[in-house]
Amino acid sequence: AMPSRWPGPDLILCLTFVWLLRRADYLPVFLIVVVFAVDDLLSMRPPGLWTLIVLATTEFVRSREVFLRDLPFALEWAIFAAAIMVMTVANRLILDLFMVPQSGFDLTILEVLSTLAAYPFVALAAVGFGAGEGAEGDGD
């Protein structure tokens, strides 16, 4: 059965990746940990699991920053899509392994889709706050 409501996007994750892919130097590791740890508690998820998955993924992406700098937007969005899918699968598999009750798979897919749909809007809004197209023009 299809869910009666469309789940909202994970705007914190969108914002994190916008800044990470454009201005990684402005996004310290401790900030990611604190924000997502609080998000885990407020979202009533198992504390630390999503935080650890986000941290591992963001650090993996950050380590490839040289290759990812100044990408066309479509490629940036594709990298975000791949990352969120891997993160979501990892989260579900770990929760399954420990038999933690979860929402239905259809809701999870809808949340991923709504997050992917929100990414361009978050990226557009972030440009106004200084997360321009990569680090070009700032002396790097």
Protein backbone atom coordinates (compact mmCIF):
# COMPACT_ATOMS: atom_id res chain seq x y z
CA ALA A 1 0.00 0.00 0.00
CA MET A 2 1.25 3.47 -0.84
CA PRO A 3 1.77 5.83 2.08
CA SER A 4 -0.86 8.48 2.57
CA ARG A 5 1.71 11.28 2.89
CA TRP A 6 4.86 12.20 1.02
CA PRO A 7 7.76 12.48 3.51
CA GLY A 8 9.65 15.75 3.57
CA PRO A 9 13.22 16.13 2.37
CA ASP A 10 16.26 15.93 4.63
CA LEU A 11 17.22 19.59 4.27
CA ILE A 12 20.10 19.31 6.73
CA LEU A 13 21.68 16.64 4.54
CA CYS A 14 21.13 18.77 1.42
CA LEU A 15 22.72 21.80 3.05
CA THR A 16 25.66 19.74 4.31
CA PHE A 17 26.42 18.43 0.83
CA VAL A 18 25.95 21.81 -0.85
CA TRP A 19 28.59 23.30 1.44
CA LEU A 20 30.80 20.22 1.28
CA LEU A 21 30.86 20.10 -2.52
CA ARG A 22 31.34 23.85 -2.92
CA ARG A 23 33.17 25.16 0.16
CA ALA A 24 34.47 22.15 2.12
CA ASP A 25 36.89 24.40 4.00
CA TYR A 26 33.89 26.09 5.68
CA LEU A 27 32.45 22.83 7.01
CA PRO A 28 34.47 21.43 9.93
CA VAL A 29 34.07 17.80 10.96
CA PHE A 30 32.93 18.64 14.51
CA LEU A 31 30.07 20.73 13.12
CA ILE A 32 28.83 17.78 11.04
CA VAL A 33 29.02 15.49 14.08
CA VAL A 34 27.21 17.91 16.42
CA VAL A 35 24.45 18.80 13.95
CA PHE A 36 23.70 15.22 12.95
CA ALA A 37 23.95 13.91 16.53
CA VAL A 38 21.31 16.45 17.58
CA ASP A 39 19.30 15.53 14.46
CA ASP A 40 19.45 11.84 15.47
CA LEU A 41 18.04 12.68 18.90
CA LEU A 42 15.34 15.03 17.59
CA SER A 43 14.32 12.54 14.87
CA MET A 44 14.28 9.69 17.40
CA ARG A 45 16.71 7.61 15.35
CA PRO A 46 19.23 5.29 17.00
CA PRO A 47 21.76 7.81 18.36
CA GLY A 48 24.96 8.00 16.37
CA LEU A 49 24.24 5.61 13.50
CA TRP A 50 23.10 8.16 10.90
CA THR A 51 25.72 10.59 12.25
CA LEU A 52 28.46 8.01 11.66
CA ILE A 53 27.17 7.20 8.16
CA VAL A 54 26.97 10.90 7.24
CA LEU A 55 30.44 11.54 8.70
CA ALA A 56 32.00 8.62 6.82
CA THR A 57 30.38 9.72 3.56
CA THR A 58 31.24 13.40 3.92
CA GLU A 59 34.86 12.60 4.75
CA PHE A 60 35.05 10.25 1.75
CA VAL A 61 33.72 13.04 -0.48
CA ARG A 62 35.97 15.63 1.20
CA SER A 63 39.05 13.48 0.50
CA ARG A 64 38.21 13.75 -3.21
CA GLU A 65 37.61 17.50 -3.11
CA VAL A 66 40.36 18.22 -5.65
CA PHE A 67 38.56 16.10 -8.25
CA LEU A 68 35.10 17.39 -7.33
CA ARG A 69 35.86 21.10 -7.36
CA ASP A 70 34.13 23.21 -10.04
CA LEU A 71 31.82 20.47 -11.30
CA PRO A 72 28.83 21.24 -13.49
CA PHE A 73 25.68 21.28 -11.35
CA ALA A 74 24.24 18.12 -12.93
CA LEU A 75 27.34 16.15 -11.91
CA GLU A 76 27.28 17.63 -8.40
CA TRP A 77 23.63 16.56 -8.09
CA ALA A 78 24.50 13.06 -9.37
CA ILE A 79 27.25 12.71 -6.77
CA PHE A 80 24.78 13.76 -4.08
CA ALA A 81 22.24 11.24 -5.42
CA ALA A 82 24.80 8.41 -5.35
CA ALA A 83 25.93 9.37 -1.85
CA ILE A 84 22.42 9.54 -0.39
CA MET A 85 21.50 6.18 -1.94
CA VAL A 86 24.59 4.48 -0.51
CA MET A 87 23.96 6.10 2.87
CA THR A 88 20.31 5.05 2.93
CA VAL A 89 21.10 1.45 1.99
CA ALA A 90 23.86 1.26 4.61
CA ASN A 91 21.53 2.66 7.27
CA ARG A 92 18.74 0.21 6.42
CA LEU A 93 21.09 -2.78 6.31
CA ILE A 94 22.63 -1.97 9.68
CA LEU A 95 19.21 -1.44 11.25
CA ASP A 96 18.03 -4.73 9.67
CA LEU A 97 21.09 -6.52 11.03
CA PHE A 98 20.19 -5.46 14.56
CA MET A 99 16.46 -5.98 13.95
CA VAL A 100 15.55 -2.38 14.69
CA PRO A 101 12.01 -1.53 13.57
CA GLN A 102 11.97 0.79 10.56
CA SER A 103 9.51 2.63 8.40
CA GLY A 104 8.45 0.91 5.21
CA PHE A 105 10.82 0.77 2.26
CA ASP A 106 8.36 2.83 0.19
CA LEU A 107 8.57 5.69 2.69
CA THR A 108 12.36 5.50 2.65
CA ILE A 109 12.42 5.72 -1.16
CA LEU A 110 9.99 8.65 -1.12
CA GLU A 111 12.17 10.48 1.42
CA VAL A 112 15.24 9.93 -0.77
CA LEU A 113 13.33 11.22 -3.81
CA SER A 114 12.05 14.29 -1.98
CA THR A 115 15.57 15.02 -0.70
CA LEU A 116 16.97 14.70 -4.22
CA ALA A 117 14.23 16.99 -5.53
CA ALA A 118 15.00 19.59 -2.84
CA TYR A 119 18.75 19.66 -3.52
CA PRO A 120 18.69 22.16 -6.43
CA PHE A 121 16.56 24.57 -4.39
CA VAL A 122 18.85 24.29 -1.36
CA ALA A 123 21.88 24.81 -3.63
CA LEU A 124 20.28 27.89 -5.18
CA ALA A 125 19.47 29.34 -1.76
CA ALA A 126 22.97 28.55 -0.48
CA VAL A 127 24.58 30.54 -3.28
CA GLY A 128 23.06 33.63 -1.68
CA PHE A 129 24.82 32.73 1.58
CA GLY A 130 28.29 32.40 0.07
CA ALA A 131 28.34 28.80 -1.11
CA GLY A 132 29.09 29.86 -4.66
CA GLU A 133 30.25 27.68 -7.51
CA GLY A 134 33.14 25.96 -5.78
CA ALA A 135 36.11 27.98 -4.58
CA GLU A 136 36.92 29.73 -7.84
CA GLY A 137 38.02 33.31 -7.61
CA ASP A 138 39.04 33.16 -3.97
CA GLY A 139 42.74 32.74 -4.60
CA ASP A 140 43.01 28.95 -4.45
